[in-house]
Amino acid sequence: MIPSREPDSVGPAALRRLVEAMPKAELHLHLDGSLRVETALSLARSRGVDAPATYGGMFQALVAPARTASQADLLTRFDLPIALLQDVEALERVTSELIESKAADNVKYLEVRWGPALHVRRGLSLGEGIAAVCGAAQDAAARTGTIVRLICTAIRSHDPAAVVKLAETATRFRDQGLTGWDLAGPEAAVPDPLAFERAFAAARDGGLRITLHAGEWGGAAQVRRALALDPERIAHGPGAADDPGLMAELKERGVTLDLCPTSNVQAGIVLSLAAHPLTRLHRAGVPVSLSTDDATVSDMLLSEEYVRAVEQNGLSLPELWAIDRHALDAAFAEPNLIRPLRQSFERWAAAVPELGEPDRGRPA
């Protein structure tokens, strides 16, 4: 584990209290990986979906073990949630509950991503599914005060022409909080993101901001491949730490890696939280954010991910705060929304001497 730059002045209990109170921003979170266990039980019963009937059984079905064989193995945990999310009511309920849960953890800015094309098996159209998530997100944001933006995720295993159609449909919802475009799914099976170049162009031309998953398989080479699509951010990409030239390029281009250490351990990308390159990347000046990836699949609150980053990965509190604060700079949201939020983050930090001085908002 990389040691902290300086000894932290708070013990474990105080660290947890501070992190729970900290206003947080989360940029990498999947809707279908974040169903509440109770909700999954209810949806399975009411939709006639073959699924475990007890809390314990459903928990085991939805939550991945501490380590799986590969990214492909981890992705099997999404099969049941996707089967449950095939109608407007289910999508609205899960979206609302996720935002409420995040707000309770003091997540003040949140980006939720999901693959609309995965939710059309029972007749829902792409537009109907997107409208359901957008509407529920807007309502939940108004109730909780958490600012929410949405990212439409295409799936690597889908036909590229169908993905173009998805991009064109998604751009029609920009005024409803859908501001980003993503590519995810089985990276080993479909390693080249340029197969979807036309869809990325359609999304960009329609005003969506660009991210994509890379490096859950294939290491630094996959991250470099992703740069060919000129993204603002890359989801995951921890293997970039193995390539000094790539790290320099990410830093020069200002491309943020939206890192999810617990999920990366589960997918077998890194051996342990202590071995995750989060701290090393941040200290090298590579822009990074810190997220959970999937609230249920990883059984993880963002506060817990933050605590682990300090206790097990060696971030200091000032470094943790800089990463949290950077997420606002990298957010796919309008500047007029981010500006007051940034000011509120800084007002909170001004009363917390443990966060250090003077430049709390930039990488150490």
Protein backbone atom coordinates (compact mmCIF):
# COMPACT_ATOMS: atom_id res chain seq x y z
CA MET A 1 0.00 0.00 0.00
CA ILE A 2 1.18 3.52 -0.77
CA PRO A 3 1.59 5.40 2.53
CA SER A 4 -0.21 8.66 3.15
CA ARG A 5 1.69 11.82 2.34
CA GLU A 6 1.28 12.87 5.95
CA PRO A 7 -0.24 11.18 9.00
CA ASP A 8 -3.97 11.77 9.21
CA SER A 9 -5.08 13.44 12.41
CA VAL A 10 -8.29 11.48 12.85
CA GLY A 11 -8.91 7.95 14.04
CA PRO A 12 -11.15 5.40 12.32
CA ALA A 13 -14.42 6.53 13.94
CA ALA A 14 -13.71 10.20 13.34
CA LEU A 15 -12.67 9.49 9.75
CA ARG A 16 -15.95 7.72 9.09
CA ARG A 17 -17.97 10.57 10.61
CA LEU A 18 -16.07 13.14 8.56
CA VAL A 19 -16.48 11.21 5.31
CA GLU A 20 -20.19 10.61 5.92
CA ALA A 21 -20.67 14.35 6.48
CA MET A 22 -18.55 15.29 3.46
CA PRO A 23 -20.54 16.54 0.44
CA LYS A 24 -19.73 14.08 -2.30
CA ALA A 25 -19.95 13.78 -6.08
CA GLU A 26 -20.25 10.43 -7.84
CA LEU A 27 -19.72 10.10 -11.59
CA HIS A 28 -19.67 6.33 -12.23
CA LEU A 29 -22.81 4.51 -11.11
CA HIS A 30 -24.96 1.95 -12.95
CA LEU A 31 -28.71 1.86 -12.41
CA ASP A 32 -29.11 -1.86 -13.06
CA GLY A 33 -26.33 -2.66 -10.60
CA SER A 34 -28.01 -0.73 -7.80
CA LEU A 35 -31.41 -2.31 -7.06
CA ARG A 36 -32.41 -2.55 -3.43
CA VAL A 37 -32.78 -6.19 -2.42
CA GLU A 38 -36.31 -5.58 -1.12
CA THR A 39 -37.29 -3.94 -4.39
CA ALA A 40 -35.89 -6.83 -6.42
CA LEU A 41 -38.00 -9.25 -4.36
CA SER A 42 -41.10 -7.14 -4.94
CA LEU A 43 -40.49 -6.78 -8.68
CA ALA A 44 -39.78 -10.48 -9.11
CA ARG A 45 -43.07 -11.41 -7.40
CA SER A 46 -45.18 -8.87 -9.28
CA ARG A 47 -43.58 -9.54 -12.70
CA GLY A 48 -43.48 -13.32 -12.44
CA VAL A 49 -39.72 -13.41 -12.88
CA ASP A 50 -37.97 -16.59 -11.75
CA ALA A 51 -35.79 -15.39 -8.87
CA PRO A 52 -34.94 -16.17 -5.24
CA ALA A 53 -37.92 -15.62 -2.93
CA THR A 54 -36.06 -14.78 0.28
CA TYR A 55 -33.97 -11.77 1.25
CA GLY A 56 -30.88 -13.89 1.75
CA GLY A 57 -31.30 -15.65 -1.57
CA MET A 58 -31.86 -12.41 -3.44
CA PHE A 59 -28.87 -10.80 -1.73
CA GLN A 60 -26.69 -13.67 -2.92
CA ALA A 61 -28.08 -13.31 -6.44
CA LEU A 62 -27.47 -9.56 -6.68
CA VAL A 63 -24.27 -8.98 -4.72
CA ALA A 64 -21.04 -10.23 -6.25
CA PRO A 65 -18.40 -11.96 -4.15
CA ALA A 66 -15.27 -10.10 -3.10
CA ARG A 67 -13.53 -11.46 -6.21
CA THR A 68 -14.85 -13.03 -9.40
CA ALA A 69 -13.00 -14.73 -12.23
CA SER A 70 -13.18 -11.81 -14.68
CA GLN A 71 -15.18 -8.85 -15.90
CA ALA A 72 -17.36 -11.25 -17.87
CA ASP A 73 -18.07 -13.22 -14.70
CA LEU A 74 -18.95 -10.05 -12.80
CA LEU A 75 -21.34 -8.98 -15.56
CA THR A 76 -23.51 -12.06 -14.94
CA ARG A 77 -24.72 -10.29 -11.78
CA PHE A 78 -26.68 -7.94 -14.05
CA ASP A 79 -28.79 -10.63 -15.71
CA LEU A 80 -31.48 -10.72 -13.01
CA PRO A 81 -31.75 -6.93 -12.50
CA ILE A 82 -32.15 -6.44 -16.24
CA ALA A 83 -34.92 -9.05 -16.32
CA LEU A 84 -36.72 -7.11 -13.57
CA LEU A 85 -36.40 -3.71 -15.26
CA GLN A 86 -38.58 -4.15 -18.33
CA ASP A 87 -41.40 -1.65 -17.73
CA VAL A 88 -41.89 2.00 -16.93
CA GLU A 89 -42.97 1.50 -13.32
CA ALA A 90 -39.95 -0.65 -12.47
CA LEU A 91 -37.50 1.80 -14.06
CA GLU A 92 -39.11 4.74 -12.29
CA ARG A 93 -39.09 3.02 -8.91
CA VAL A 94 -35.47 1.89 -9.05
CA THR A 95 -34.28 5.28 -10.31
CA SER A 96 -36.09 7.13 -7.53
CA GLU A 97 -34.86 4.78 -4.81
CA LEU A 98 -31.27 4.97 -6.00
CA ILE A 99 -31.23 8.76 -5.89
CA GLU A 100 -32.87 8.76 -2.46
CA SER A 101 -30.23 6.33 -1.17
CA LYS A 102 -27.40 8.42 -2.56
CA ALA A 103 -28.83 11.61 -1.12
CA ALA A 104 -28.95 9.94 2.31
CA ASP A 105 -25.18 9.36 1.95
CA ASN A 106 -24.60 13.09 1.29
CA VAL A 107 -24.00 12.61 -2.43
CA LYS A 108 -24.85 16.09 -3.65
CA TYR A 109 -24.06 15.53 -7.33
CA LEU A 110 -24.78 12.23 -9.06
CA GLU A 111 -24.49 10.81 -12.55
CA VAL A 112 -26.48 7.63 -13.20
CA ARG A 113 -25.82 5.56 -16.31
CA TRP A 114 -27.87 2.77 -17.82
CA GLY A 115 -28.35 0.90 -21.10
CA PRO A 116 -31.83 1.69 -22.47
CA ALA A 117 -31.51 -1.01 -25.15
CA LEU A 118 -31.40 -3.65 -22.39
CA HIS A 119 -34.91 -2.76 -21.22
CA VAL A 120 -37.03 -3.35 -24.34
CA ARG A 121 -37.62 -7.12 -24.07
CA ARG A 122 -41.29 -6.75 -23.09
CA GLY A 123 -42.27 -4.14 -25.63
CA LEU A 124 -40.97 -0.93 -24.10
CA SER A 125 -39.57 1.41 -26.74
CA LEU A 126 -36.20 3.13 -26.36
CA GLY A 127 -37.92 6.49 -25.99
CA GLU A 128 -40.39 5.22 -23.38
CA GLY A 129 -37.62 3.71 -21.28
CA ILE A 130 -35.44 6.81 -21.46
CA ALA A 131 -38.37 9.05 -20.60
CA ALA A 132 -39.17 6.90 -17.54
CA VAL A 133 -35.66 7.19 -16.12
CA CYS A 134 -35.38 10.90 -16.95
CA GLY A 135 -38.72 11.74 -15.35
CA ALA A 136 -38.05 9.73 -12.20
CA ALA A 137 -34.58 11.25 -11.87
CA GLN A 138 -35.93 14.79 -12.17
CA ASP A 139 -38.62 14.13 -9.56
CA ALA A 140 -36.19 12.50 -7.11
CA ALA A 141 -33.66 15.29 -7.58
CA ALA A 142 -36.31 17.86 -6.74
CA ARG A 143 -37.31 15.94 -3.59
CA THR A 144 -33.80 15.30 -2.30
CA GLY A 145 -31.86 18.36 -3.46
CA THR A 146 -29.22 16.16 -5.11
CA ILE A 147 -28.32 17.32 -8.61
CA VAL A 148 -28.66 14.39 -11.03
CA ARG A 149 -27.48 13.97 -14.58
CA LEU A 150 -27.87 10.84 -16.71
CA ILE A 151 -25.58 8.96 -19.08
CA CYS A 152 -26.91 6.70 -21.85
CA THR A 153 -24.81 3.55 -22.10
CA ALA A 154 -24.45 1.51 -25.28
CA ILE A 155 -23.48 -2.15 -25.06
CA ARG A 156 -20.44 -3.53 -26.89
CA SER A 157 -22.17 -6.75 -27.88
CA HIS A 158 -25.00 -4.92 -29.70
CA ASP A 159 -25.17 -4.26 -33.41
CA PRO A 160 -23.36 -0.99 -34.27
CA ALA A 161 -26.28 0.20 -36.44
CA ALA A 162 -28.69 -0.27 -33.53
CA VAL A 163 -26.28 1.65 -31.31
CA VAL A 164 -26.42 4.59 -33.74
CA LYS A 165 -30.20 4.57 -33.37
CA LEU A 166 -29.82 4.58 -29.59
CA ALA A 167 -27.50 7.58 -29.75
CA GLU A 168 -29.91 9.50 -31.96
CA THR A 169 -32.78 8.71 -29.59
CA ALA A 170 -30.79 9.69 -26.50
CA THR A 171 -29.95 13.13 -27.87
CA ARG A 172 -33.66 14.02 -27.81
CA PHE A 173 -33.58 13.96 -23.99
CA ARG A 174 -30.86 16.50 -23.34
CA ASP A 175 -33.36 18.96 -21.85
CA GLN A 176 -34.49 16.24 -19.44
CA GLY A 177 -31.12 15.75 -17.78
CA LEU A 178 -29.52 13.20 -20.12
CA THR A 179 -26.14 14.75 -20.83
CA GLY A 180 -23.67 11.90 -21.41
CA TRP A 181 -22.90 8.98 -23.73
CA ASP A 182 -21.06 5.81 -22.74
CA LEU A 183 -20.02 2.36 -24.02
CA ALA A 184 -19.84 -0.64 -21.69
CA GLY A 185 -20.17 -4.41 -21.70
CA PRO A 186 -17.96 -7.40 -22.51
CA GLU A 187 -14.64 -5.80 -23.35
CA ALA A 188 -12.76 -9.02 -24.14
CA ALA A 189 -15.42 -10.10 -26.63
CA VAL A 190 -15.57 -6.73 -28.40
CA PRO A 191 -12.30 -4.94 -27.64
CA ASP A 192 -12.31 -2.21 -30.31
CA PRO A 193 -14.54 0.78 -29.44
CA LEU A 194 -14.01 2.22 -32.92
CA ALA A 195 -16.62 -0.29 -34.12
CA PHE A 196 -19.08 2.24 -32.65
CA GLU A 197 -17.46 5.37 -34.05
CA ARG A 198 -20.64 6.42 -35.91
CA ALA A 199 -22.70 6.19 -32.73
CA PHE A 200 -20.17 8.29 -30.82
CA ALA A 201 -20.28 10.88 -33.60
CA ALA A 202 -24.08 10.97 -33.47
CA ALA A 203 -24.04 11.39 -29.70
CA ARG A 204 -21.42 14.14 -29.86
CA ASP A 205 -23.22 15.95 -32.69
CA GLY A 206 -26.40 15.82 -30.61
CA GLY A 207 -24.69 17.56 -27.69
CA LEU A 208 -23.93 14.59 -25.44
CA ARG A 209 -20.62 14.49 -23.59
CA ILE A 210 -18.42 11.48 -24.08
CA THR A 211 -17.12 8.78 -21.78
CA LEU A 212 -16.60 5.05 -22.26
CA HIS A 213 -15.57 1.99 -20.30
CA ALA A 214 -12.02 0.79 -20.86
CA GLY A 215 -9.45 -1.31 -19.09
CA GLU A 216 -11.66 -3.80 -17.27
CA TRP A 217 -9.83 -6.18 -19.58
CA GLY A 218 -6.65 -5.62 -21.55
CA GLY A 219 -4.99 -3.11 -19.26
CA ALA A 220 -3.30 0.05 -20.50
CA ALA A 221 -3.66 -0.92 -24.17
CA GLN A 222 -7.45 -0.77 -23.88
CA VAL A 223 -7.31 2.64 -22.23
CA ARG A 224 -5.16 3.91 -25.06
CA ARG A 225 -7.65 2.48 -27.58
CA ALA A 226 -10.44 4.41 -25.88
CA LEU A 227 -8.57 7.69 -26.38
CA ALA A 228 -9.10 7.34 -30.14
CA LEU A 229 -12.72 8.40 -29.52
CA ASP A 230 -11.57 11.61 -27.79
CA PRO A 231 -13.52 11.12 -24.54
CA GLU A 232 -13.62 13.62 -21.70
CA ARG A 233 -13.60 10.75 -19.21
CA ILE A 234 -12.88 7.03 -19.12
CA ALA A 235 -14.81 4.66 -16.86
CA HIS A 236 -12.27 2.53 -14.94
CA GLY A 237 -8.89 2.39 -16.69
CA PRO A 238 -6.70 1.55 -13.66
CA GLY A 239 -4.19 -0.21 -15.92
CA ALA A 240 -3.10 3.20 -17.19
CA ALA A 241 -0.82 3.28 -14.16
CA ASP A 242 1.35 0.63 -15.84
CA ASP A 243 2.22 2.92 -18.78
CA PRO A 244 4.05 6.19 -17.93
CA GLY A 245 3.51 7.53 -21.43
CA LEU A 246 -0.22 6.92 -21.22
CA MET A 247 -0.38 8.60 -17.83
CA ALA A 248 1.37 11.63 -19.28
CA GLU A 249 -1.11 11.70 -22.18
CA LEU A 250 -4.13 11.48 -19.86
CA LYS A 251 -2.72 14.31 -17.79
CA GLU A 252 -1.94 16.46 -20.84
CA ARG A 253 -5.39 15.89 -22.40
CA GLY A 254 -7.21 16.30 -19.10
CA VAL A 255 -9.03 12.96 -19.41
CA THR A 256 -10.45 11.86 -16.08
CA LEU A 257 -10.42 8.21 -15.01
CA ASP A 258 -13.63 7.44 -13.09
CA LEU A 259 -12.14 4.80 -10.79
CA CYS A 260 -14.09 2.22 -8.77
CA PRO A 261 -11.59 0.30 -6.62
CA THR A 262 -13.95 -2.17 -4.94
CA SER A 263 -15.54 -3.12 -8.26
CA ASN A 264 -12.10 -3.48 -9.85
CA VAL A 265 -11.09 -5.97 -7.16
CA GLN A 266 -14.35 -7.87 -7.72
CA ALA A 267 -13.67 -8.04 -11.46
CA GLY A 268 -10.17 -9.37 -10.87
CA ILE A 269 -8.46 -6.33 -12.41
CA VAL A 270 -6.39 -5.68 -9.27
CA LEU A 271 -5.46 -8.02 -6.45
CA SER A 272 -6.66 -5.90 -3.54
CA LEU A 273 -7.76 -2.43 -2.52
CA ALA A 274 -4.25 -1.78 -1.19
CA ALA A 275 -2.83 -2.66 -4.62
CA HIS A 276 -5.21 -0.42 -6.57
CA PRO A 277 -3.36 2.40 -8.40
CA LEU A 278 -5.84 5.11 -7.33
CA THR A 279 -3.33 6.88 -5.08
CA ARG A 280 -0.43 6.45 -7.49
CA LEU A 281 -2.44 7.86 -10.40
CA HIS A 282 -3.62 10.84 -8.38
CA ARG A 283 -0.13 11.66 -7.14
CA ALA A 284 1.17 11.45 -10.71
CA GLY A 285 -1.28 14.20 -11.65
CA VAL A 286 -3.67 12.01 -13.66
CA PRO A 287 -7.22 13.37 -13.18
CA VAL A 288 -9.29 10.80 -11.27
CA SER A 289 -12.67 10.54 -9.58
CA LEU A 290 -13.82 7.93 -7.07
CA SER A 291 -17.12 6.02 -7.37
CA THR A 292 -18.80 2.76 -6.41
CA ASP A 293 -19.75 1.56 -9.93
CA ASP A 294 -22.70 -0.47 -8.60
CA ALA A 295 -24.26 0.20 -5.22
CA THR A 296 -25.71 -3.31 -4.89
CA VAL A 297 -23.37 -5.51 -6.92
CA SER A 298 -20.53 -4.17 -4.76
CA ASP A 299 -22.74 -3.68 -1.67
CA MET A 300 -21.07 -0.32 -1.23
CA LEU A 301 -21.92 3.21 -0.12
CA LEU A 302 -19.77 5.98 -1.55
CA SER A 303 -18.80 6.95 2.00
CA GLU A 304 -17.45 3.44 2.55
CA GLU A 305 -15.50 3.59 -0.73
CA TYR A 306 -13.97 6.88 0.48
CA VAL A 307 -13.05 5.45 3.89
CA ARG A 308 -11.39 2.45 2.25
CA ALA A 309 -9.41 4.75 -0.05
CA VAL A 310 -7.84 6.33 3.04
CA GLU A 311 -7.51 3.29 5.26
CA GLN A 312 -6.48 0.70 2.68
CA ASN A 313 -5.15 2.60 -0.32
CA GLY A 314 -3.20 5.29 1.49
CA LEU A 315 -4.87 8.53 0.39
CA SER A 316 -4.54 11.39 2.83
CA LEU A 317 -7.65 13.36 3.71
CA PRO A 318 -6.54 16.38 1.65
CA GLU A 319 -5.99 14.06 -1.32
CA LEU A 320 -9.41 12.48 -0.86
CA TRP A 321 -11.00 15.92 -0.77
CA ALA A 322 -9.13 16.98 -3.92
CA ILE A 323 -10.46 13.92 -5.76
CA ASP A 324 -14.01 14.54 -4.53
CA ARG A 325 -13.77 18.19 -5.54
CA HIS A 326 -12.34 17.29 -8.97
CA ALA A 327 -15.47 15.28 -9.75
CA LEU A 328 -17.37 18.57 -9.95
CA ASP A 329 -14.86 19.88 -12.48
CA ALA A 330 -15.31 16.75 -14.61
CA ALA A 331 -19.11 16.56 -14.25
CA PHE A 332 -21.38 16.37 -17.30
CA ALA A 333 -23.56 19.20 -16.01
CA GLU A 334 -24.20 22.79 -16.88
CA PRO A 335 -21.78 25.32 -15.36
CA ASN A 336 -24.62 27.31 -13.80
CA LEU A 337 -25.51 24.21 -11.74
CA ILE A 338 -21.95 23.29 -10.81
CA ARG A 339 -20.85 26.78 -9.77
CA PRO A 340 -23.06 27.11 -6.67
CA LEU A 341 -22.49 23.46 -5.80
CA ARG A 342 -18.74 24.02 -5.88
CA GLN A 343 -19.16 27.00 -3.59
CA SER A 344 -21.20 24.94 -1.12
CA PHE A 345 -18.49 22.23 -1.10
CA GLU A 346 -15.85 24.85 -0.31
CA ARG A 347 -17.94 26.41 2.47
CA TRP A 348 -18.19 22.99 4.10
CA ALA A 349 -14.46 22.36 3.73
CA ALA A 350 -13.54 25.71 5.27
CA ALA A 351 -14.69 24.41 8.66
CA VAL A 352 -12.72 21.14 8.43
CA PRO A 353 -9.03 21.72 9.27
CA GLU A 354 -8.18 18.06 8.60
CA LEU A 355 -8.58 18.70 4.88
CA GLY A 356 -5.48 20.88 4.82
CA GLU A 357 -4.47 24.11 3.14
CA PRO A 358 -4.32 25.90 0.88
CA ASP A 359 -5.41 24.37 -2.46
CA ARG A 360 -8.08 21.86 -1.56
CA GLY A 361 -9.59 21.64 -5.01
CA ARG A 362 -6.67 20.38 -7.11
CA PRO A 363 -4.70 17.14 -7.27
CA ALA A 364 -1.82 16.97 -4.81
